[in-house]
Amino acid sequence: MEKCALVLLLPDDATASVYAELKEALAAKGKPIPENDLSIAATAKSHGLPLYCKDTHFDELAGLMTIIQA
């Protein structure tokens, strides 16, 4: 059995700032997404990570961060 590492990413001030930026950008586009999805995206972006997903809500963030449809 393969072992894998788990890294827990906690929200911090940088995450809150990115959350606000993404929420504002989506509001300007008239394309809000659910708050939980926005929190996940902000956490990934604030840590410089791509977001792997199958959720089409994240399509609205494609120009704002790296989204990889899995």
PDB file of N, CA and C in Angstrom:
ATOM      1  N   MET A   1       0.845  -1.174   0.000  1.00  0.00           N
ATOM      2  CA  MET A   1       0.000   0.000   0.000  1.00  0.00           C
ATOM      3  C   MET A   1       0.897   1.246   0.000  1.00  0.00           C
ATOM      4  N   GLU A   2       0.568   2.188  -0.869  1.00  0.00           N
ATOM      5  CA  GLU A   2       1.329   3.438  -0.944  1.00  0.00           C
ATOM      6  C   GLU A   2       0.966   4.355   0.210  1.00  0.00           C
ATOM      7  N   LYS A   3       1.968   5.051   0.693  1.00  0.00           N
ATOM      8  CA  LYS A   3       1.723   6.067   1.708  1.00  0.00           C
ATOM      9  C   LYS A   3       1.655   7.411   1.018  1.00  0.00           C
ATOM     10  N   CYS A   4       0.843   8.275   1.534  1.00  0.00           N
ATOM     11  CA  CYS A   4       0.769   9.629   0.985  1.00  0.00           C
ATOM     12  C   CYS A   4       0.784  10.631   2.137  1.00  0.00           C
ATOM     13  N   ALA A   5       1.239  11.805   1.807  1.00  0.00           N
ATOM     14  CA  ALA A   5       1.313  12.863   2.819  1.00  0.00           C
ATOM     15  C   ALA A   5       0.057  13.720   2.752  1.00  0.00           C
ATOM     16  N   LEU A   6      -0.332  14.201   3.866  1.00  0.00           N
ATOM     17  CA  LEU A   6      -1.472  15.095   3.958  1.00  0.00           C
ATOM     18  C   LEU A   6      -0.991  16.403   4.563  1.00  0.00           C
ATOM     19  N   VAL A   7      -1.309  17.487   3.883  1.00  0.00           N
ATOM     20  CA  VAL A   7      -0.953  18.810   4.391  1.00  0.00           C
ATOM     21  C   VAL A   7      -2.259  19.562   4.633  1.00  0.00           C
ATOM     22  N   LEU A   8      -2.438  20.033   5.813  1.00  0.00           N
ATOM     23  CA  LEU A   8      -3.633  20.780   6.171  1.00  0.00           C
ATOM     24  C   LEU A   8      -3.372  22.268   5.944  1.00  0.00           C
ATOM     25  N   LEU A   9      -4.168  22.883   5.095  1.00  0.00           N
ATOM     26  CA  LEU A   9      -4.030  24.310   4.808  1.00  0.00           C
ATOM     27  C   LEU A   9      -5.118  25.066   5.558  1.00  0.00           C
ATOM     28  N   LEU A  10      -4.700  25.864   6.500  1.00  0.00           N
ATOM     29  CA  LEU A  10      -5.648  26.634   7.297  1.00  0.00           C
ATOM     30  C   LEU A  10      -5.816  28.038   6.725  1.00  0.00           C
ATOM     31  N   PRO A  11      -7.021  28.590   6.805  1.00  0.00           N
ATOM     32  CA  PRO A  11      -7.212  29.964   6.348  1.00  0.00           C
ATOM     33  C   PRO A  11      -6.419  30.931   7.220  1.00  0.00           C
ATOM     34  N   ASP A  12      -5.892  31.955   6.580  1.00  0.00           N
ATOM     35  CA  ASP A  12      -5.139  32.978   7.295  1.00  0.00           C
ATOM     36  C   ASP A  12      -5.480  34.332   6.666  1.00  0.00           C
ATOM     37  N   ASP A  13      -4.726  35.363   7.017  1.00  0.00           N
ATOM     38  CA  ASP A  13      -5.006  36.697   6.486  1.00  0.00           C
ATOM     39  C   ASP A  13      -4.883  36.736   4.962  1.00  0.00           C
ATOM     40  N   ALA A  14      -3.905  36.024   4.413  1.00  0.00           N
ATOM     41  CA  ALA A  14      -3.727  35.989   2.959  1.00  0.00           C
ATOM     42  C   ALA A  14      -4.933  35.332   2.295  1.00  0.00           C
ATOM     43  N   THR A  15      -5.442  34.269   2.892  1.00  0.00           N
ATOM     44  CA  THR A  15      -6.627  33.592   2.359  1.00  0.00           C
ATOM     45  C   THR A  15      -7.833  34.531   2.380  1.00  0.00           C
ATOM     46  N   ALA A  16      -7.996  35.266   3.456  1.00  0.00           N
ATOM     47  CA  ALA A  16      -9.117  36.208   3.568  1.00  0.00           C
ATOM     48  C   ALA A  16      -9.024  37.298   2.503  1.00  0.00           C
ATOM     49  N   SER A  17      -7.820  37.772   2.261  1.00  0.00           N
ATOM     50  CA  SER A  17      -7.617  38.808   1.246  1.00  0.00           C
ATOM     51  C   SER A  17      -7.940  38.276  -0.150  1.00  0.00           C
ATOM     52  N   VAL A  18      -7.459  37.084  -0.459  1.00  0.00           N
ATOM     53  CA  VAL A  18      -7.736  36.478  -1.771  1.00  0.00           C
ATOM     54  C   VAL A  18      -9.228  36.187  -1.900  1.00  0.00           C
ATOM     55  N   TYR A  19      -9.849  35.732  -0.835  1.00  0.00           N
ATOM     56  CA  TYR A  19     -11.296  35.480  -0.833  1.00  0.00           C
ATOM     57  C   TYR A  19     -12.043  36.744  -1.262  1.00  0.00           C
ATOM     58  N   ALA A  20     -11.684  37.858  -0.649  1.00  0.00           N
ATOM     59  CA  ALA A  20     -12.340  39.129  -0.980  1.00  0.00           C
ATOM     60  C   ALA A  20     -12.095  39.517  -2.438  1.00  0.00           C
ATOM     61  N   GLU A  21     -10.869  39.333  -2.925  1.00  0.00           N
ATOM     62  CA  GLU A  21     -10.551  39.665  -4.316  1.00  0.00           C
ATOM     63  C   GLU A  21     -11.369  38.814  -5.286  1.00  0.00           C
ATOM     64  N   LEU A  22     -11.430  37.506  -5.031  1.00  0.00           N
ATOM     65  CA  LEU A  22     -12.179  36.612  -5.914  1.00  0.00           C
ATOM     66  C   LEU A  22     -13.677  36.929  -5.872  1.00  0.00           C
ATOM     67  N   LYS A  23     -14.188  37.166  -4.677  1.00  0.00           N
ATOM     68  CA  LYS A  23     -15.621  37.479  -4.541  1.00  0.00           C
ATOM     69  C   LYS A  23     -15.968  38.764  -5.292  1.00  0.00           C
ATOM     70  N   GLU A  24     -15.115  39.770  -5.180  1.00  0.00           N
ATOM     71  CA  GLU A  24     -15.335  41.038  -5.878  1.00  0.00           C
ATOM     72  C   GLU A  24     -15.267  40.843  -7.395  1.00  0.00           C
ATOM     73  N   ALA A  25     -14.297  40.069  -7.867  1.00  0.00           N
ATOM     74  CA  ALA A  25     -14.155  39.827  -9.307  1.00  0.00           C
ATOM     75  C   ALA A  25     -15.368  39.078  -9.854  1.00  0.00           C
ATOM     76  N   LEU A  26     -15.856  38.105  -9.115  1.00  0.00           N
ATOM     77  CA  LEU A  26     -17.032  37.354  -9.556  1.00  0.00           C
ATOM     78  C   LEU A  26     -18.285  38.228  -9.536  1.00  0.00           C
ATOM     79  N   ALA A  27     -18.401  39.081  -8.541  1.00  0.00           N
ATOM     80  CA  ALA A  27     -19.545  39.992  -8.470  1.00  0.00           C
ATOM     81  C   ALA A  27     -19.539  40.955  -9.655  1.00  0.00           C
ATOM     82  N   ALA A  28     -18.355  41.426 -10.029  1.00  0.00           N
ATOM     83  CA  ALA A  28     -18.236  42.342 -11.170  1.00  0.00           C
ATOM     84  C   ALA A  28     -18.652  41.650 -12.469  1.00  0.00           C
ATOM     85  N   LYS A  29     -18.395  40.340 -12.556  1.00  0.00           N
ATOM     86  CA  LYS A  29     -18.794  39.564 -13.726  1.00  0.00           C
ATOM     87  C   LYS A  29     -20.259  39.158 -13.664  1.00  0.00           C
ATOM     88  N   GLY A  30     -20.872  39.332 -12.489  1.00  0.00           N
ATOM     89  CA  GLY A  30     -22.244  38.879 -12.300  1.00  0.00           C
ATOM     90  C   GLY A  30     -22.348  37.362 -12.250  1.00  0.00           C
ATOM     91  N   LYS A  31     -21.261  36.722 -11.793  1.00  0.00           N
ATOM     92  CA  LYS A  31     -21.193  35.263 -11.765  1.00  0.00           C
ATOM     93  C   LYS A  31     -20.754  34.753 -10.389  1.00  0.00           C
ATOM     94  N   PRO A  32     -21.525  34.981  -9.351  1.00  0.00           N
ATOM     95  CA  PRO A  32     -21.121  34.487  -8.031  1.00  0.00           C
ATOM     96  C   PRO A  32     -21.119  32.958  -7.998  1.00  0.00           C
ATOM     97  N   ILE A  33     -20.334  32.398  -7.097  1.00  0.00           N
ATOM     98  CA  ILE A  33     -20.321  30.950  -6.880  1.00  0.00           C
ATOM     99  C   ILE A  33     -20.612  30.706  -5.399  1.00  0.00           C
ATOM    100  N   PRO A  34     -20.956  29.478  -5.025  1.00  0.00           N
ATOM    101  CA  PRO A  34     -21.243  29.200  -3.607  1.00  0.00           C
ATOM    102  C   PRO A  34     -20.066  29.574  -2.700  1.00  0.00           C
ATOM    103  N   GLU A  35     -20.392  30.026  -1.498  1.00  0.00           N
ATOM    104  CA  GLU A  35     -19.386  30.484  -0.541  1.00  0.00           C
ATOM    105  C   GLU A  35     -18.352  29.402  -0.215  1.00  0.00           C
ATOM    106  N   ASN A  36     -18.795  28.157  -0.063  1.00  0.00           N
ATOM    107  CA  ASN A  36     -17.838  27.087   0.246  1.00  0.00           C
ATOM    108  C   ASN A  36     -16.839  26.908  -0.892  1.00  0.00           C
ATOM    109  N   ASP A  37     -17.306  26.971  -2.133  1.00  0.00           N
ATOM    110  CA  ASP A  37     -16.415  26.851  -3.286  1.00  0.00           C
ATOM    111  C   ASP A  37     -15.436  28.021  -3.319  1.00  0.00           C
ATOM    112  N   LEU A  38     -15.931  29.195  -3.010  1.00  0.00           N
ATOM    113  CA  LEU A  38     -15.081  30.380  -2.988  1.00  0.00           C
ATOM    114  C   LEU A  38     -13.989  30.246  -1.917  1.00  0.00           C
ATOM    115  N   SER A  39     -14.335  29.699  -0.782  1.00  0.00           N
ATOM    116  CA  SER A  39     -13.361  29.481   0.287  1.00  0.00           C
ATOM    117  C   SER A  39     -12.281  28.480  -0.135  1.00  0.00           C
ATOM    118  N   ILE A  40     -12.678  27.413  -0.797  1.00  0.00           N
ATOM    119  CA  ILE A  40     -11.727  26.419  -1.297  1.00  0.00           C
ATOM    120  C   ILE A  40     -10.785  27.060  -2.309  1.00  0.00           C
ATOM    121  N   ALA A  41     -11.336  27.832  -3.237  1.00  0.00           N
ATOM    122  CA  ALA A  41     -10.518  28.494  -4.259  1.00  0.00           C
ATOM    123  C   ALA A  41      -9.549  29.491  -3.630  1.00  0.00           C
ATOM    124  N   ALA A  42     -10.022  30.265  -2.676  1.00  0.00           N
ATOM    125  CA  ALA A  42      -9.165  31.261  -2.022  1.00  0.00           C
ATOM    126  C   ALA A  42      -8.019  30.590  -1.269  1.00  0.00           C
ATOM    127  N   THR A  43      -8.297  29.471  -0.644  1.00  0.00           N
ATOM    128  CA  THR A  43      -7.247  28.750   0.073  1.00  0.00           C
ATOM    129  C   THR A  43      -6.182  28.260  -0.902  1.00  0.00           C
ATOM    130  N   ALA A  44      -6.609  27.663  -1.999  1.00  0.00           N
ATOM    131  CA  ALA A  44      -5.652  27.184  -3.002  1.00  0.00           C
ATOM    132  C   ALA A  44      -4.827  28.341  -3.562  1.00  0.00           C
ATOM    133  N   LYS A  45      -5.499  29.400  -3.975  1.00  0.00           N
ATOM    134  CA  LYS A  45      -4.786  30.523  -4.588  1.00  0.00           C
ATOM    135  C   LYS A  45      -3.829  31.199  -3.610  1.00  0.00           C
ATOM    136  N   SER A  46      -4.239  31.372  -2.380  1.00  0.00           N
ATOM    137  CA  SER A  46      -3.381  32.058  -1.403  1.00  0.00           C
ATOM    138  C   SER A  46      -2.121  31.258  -1.091  1.00  0.00           C
ATOM    139  N   HIS A  47      -2.164  29.959  -1.340  1.00  0.00           N
ATOM    140  CA  HIS A  47      -0.998  29.108  -1.120  1.00  0.00           C
ATOM    141  C   HIS A  47      -0.252  28.816  -2.424  1.00  0.00           C
ATOM    142  N   GLY A  48      -0.673  29.479  -3.519  1.00  0.00           N
ATOM    143  CA  GLY A  48       0.002  29.313  -4.802  1.00  0.00           C
ATOM    144  C   GLY A  48      -0.191  27.939  -5.415  1.00  0.00           C
ATOM    145  N   LEU A  49      -1.335  27.331  -5.152  1.00  0.00           N
ATOM    146  CA  LEU A  49      -1.606  25.988  -5.648  1.00  0.00           C
ATOM    147  C   LEU A  49      -2.670  25.996  -6.738  1.00  0.00           C
ATOM    148  N   PRO A  50      -2.566  25.095  -7.713  1.00  0.00           N
ATOM    149  CA  PRO A  50      -3.656  24.951  -8.676  1.00  0.00           C
ATOM    150  C   PRO A  50      -4.830  24.258  -7.988  1.00  0.00           C
ATOM    151  N   LEU A  51      -6.006  24.442  -8.534  1.00  0.00           N
ATOM    152  CA  LEU A  51      -7.191  23.802  -7.977  1.00  0.00           C
ATOM    153  C   LEU A  51      -7.648  22.725  -8.948  1.00  0.00           C
ATOM    154  N   TYR A  52      -7.603  21.478  -8.518  1.00  0.00           N
ATOM    155  CA  TYR A  52      -8.089  20.347  -9.304  1.00  0.00           C
ATOM    156  C   TYR A  52      -9.531  20.104  -8.906  1.00  0.00           C
ATOM    157  N   CYS A  53     -10.430  20.062  -9.896  1.00  0.00           N
ATOM    158  CA  CYS A  53     -11.840  19.919  -9.543  1.00  0.00           C
ATOM    159  C   CYS A  53     -12.646  19.364 -10.703  1.00  0.00           C
ATOM    160  N   LYS A  54     -13.880  18.991 -10.387  1.00  0.00           N
ATOM    161  CA  LYS A  54     -14.858  18.590 -11.391  1.00  0.00           C
ATOM    162  C   LYS A  54     -16.090  19.497 -11.335  1.00  0.00           C
ATOM    163  N   ASP A  55     -16.093  20.422 -10.411  1.00  0.00           N
ATOM    164  CA  ASP A  55     -17.232  21.306 -10.165  1.00  0.00           C
ATOM    165  C   ASP A  55     -17.209  22.469 -11.160  1.00  0.00           C
ATOM    166  N   THR A  56     -18.272  22.614 -11.923  1.00  0.00           N
ATOM    167  CA  THR A  56     -18.317  23.669 -12.944  1.00  0.00           C
ATOM    168  C   THR A  56     -18.395  25.075 -12.357  1.00  0.00           C
ATOM    169  N   HIS A  57     -18.710  25.208 -11.075  1.00  0.00           N
ATOM    170  CA  HIS A  57     -18.705  26.542 -10.459  1.00  0.00           C
ATOM    171  C   HIS A  57     -17.330  27.191 -10.588  1.00  0.00           C
ATOM    172  N   PHE A  58     -16.278  26.373 -10.516  1.00  0.00           N
ATOM    173  CA  PHE A  58     -14.922  26.900 -10.552  1.00  0.00           C
ATOM    174  C   PHE A  58     -14.528  27.421 -11.934  1.00  0.00           C
ATOM    175  N   ASP A  59     -15.298  27.090 -12.969  1.00  0.00           N
ATOM    176  CA  ASP A  59     -15.015  27.599 -14.316  1.00  0.00           C
ATOM    177  C   ASP A  59     -14.986  29.125 -14.333  1.00  0.00           C
ATOM    178  N   GLU A  60     -15.769  29.751 -13.487  1.00  0.00           N
ATOM    179  CA  GLU A  60     -15.840  31.215 -13.435  1.00  0.00           C
ATOM    180  C   GLU A  60     -14.539  31.838 -12.934  1.00  0.00           C
ATOM    181  N   LEU A  61     -13.681  31.055 -12.306  1.00  0.00           N
ATOM    182  CA  LEU A  61     -12.414  31.559 -11.762  1.00  0.00           C
ATOM    183  C   LEU A  61     -11.229  31.322 -12.695  1.00  0.00           C
ATOM    184  N   ALA A  62     -11.468  30.729 -13.849  1.00  0.00           N
ATOM    185  CA  ALA A  62     -10.385  30.315 -14.762  1.00  0.00           C
ATOM    186  C   ALA A  62      -9.433  31.446 -15.111  1.00  0.00           C
ATOM    187  N   GLY A  63      -9.893  32.657 -15.281  1.00  0.00           N
ATOM    188  CA  GLY A  63      -9.012  33.766 -15.622  1.00  0.00           C
ATOM    189  C   GLY A  63      -8.328  34.384 -14.407  1.00  0.00           C
ATOM    190  N   LEU A  64      -8.711  33.952 -13.220  1.00  0.00           N
ATOM    191  CA  LEU A  64      -8.210  34.545 -11.984  1.00  0.00           C
ATOM    192  C   LEU A  64      -7.198  33.673 -11.260  1.00  0.00           C
ATOM    193  N   MET A  65      -7.195  32.379 -11.580  1.00  0.00           N
ATOM    194  CA  MET A  65      -6.282  31.437 -10.915  1.00  0.00           C
ATOM    195  C   MET A  65      -6.187  30.174 -11.763  1.00  0.00           C
ATOM    196  N   THR A  66      -5.312  29.274 -11.401  1.00  0.00           N
ATOM    197  CA  THR A  66      -5.139  28.032 -12.164  1.00  0.00           C
ATOM    198  C   THR A  66      -6.197  27.003 -11.736  1.00  0.00           C
ATOM    199  N   ILE A  67      -7.057  26.677 -12.680  1.00  0.00           N
ATOM    200  CA  ILE A  67      -8.100  25.684 -12.455  1.00  0.00           C
ATOM    201  C   ILE A  67      -7.815  24.519 -13.405  1.00  0.00           C
ATOM    202  N   ILE A  68      -7.755  23.314 -12.869  1.00  0.00           N
ATOM    203  CA  ILE A  68      -7.530  22.124 -13.674  1.00  0.00           C
ATOM    204  C   ILE A  68      -8.729  21.203 -13.503  1.00  0.00           C
ATOM    205  N   GLN A  69      -9.492  21.034 -14.566  1.00  0.00           N
ATOM    206  CA  GLN A  69     -10.663  20.173 -14.509  1.00  0.00           C
ATOM    207  C   GLN A  69     -10.204  18.717 -14.507  1.00  0.00           C
ATOM    208  N   ALA A  70     -10.496  18.014 -13.458  1.00  0.00           N
ATOM    209  CA  ALA A  70     -10.068  16.611 -13.309  1.00  0.00           C
ATOM    210  C   ALA A  70     -11.088  15.671 -13.887  1.00  0.00           C
TER     211      ALA A  70
END
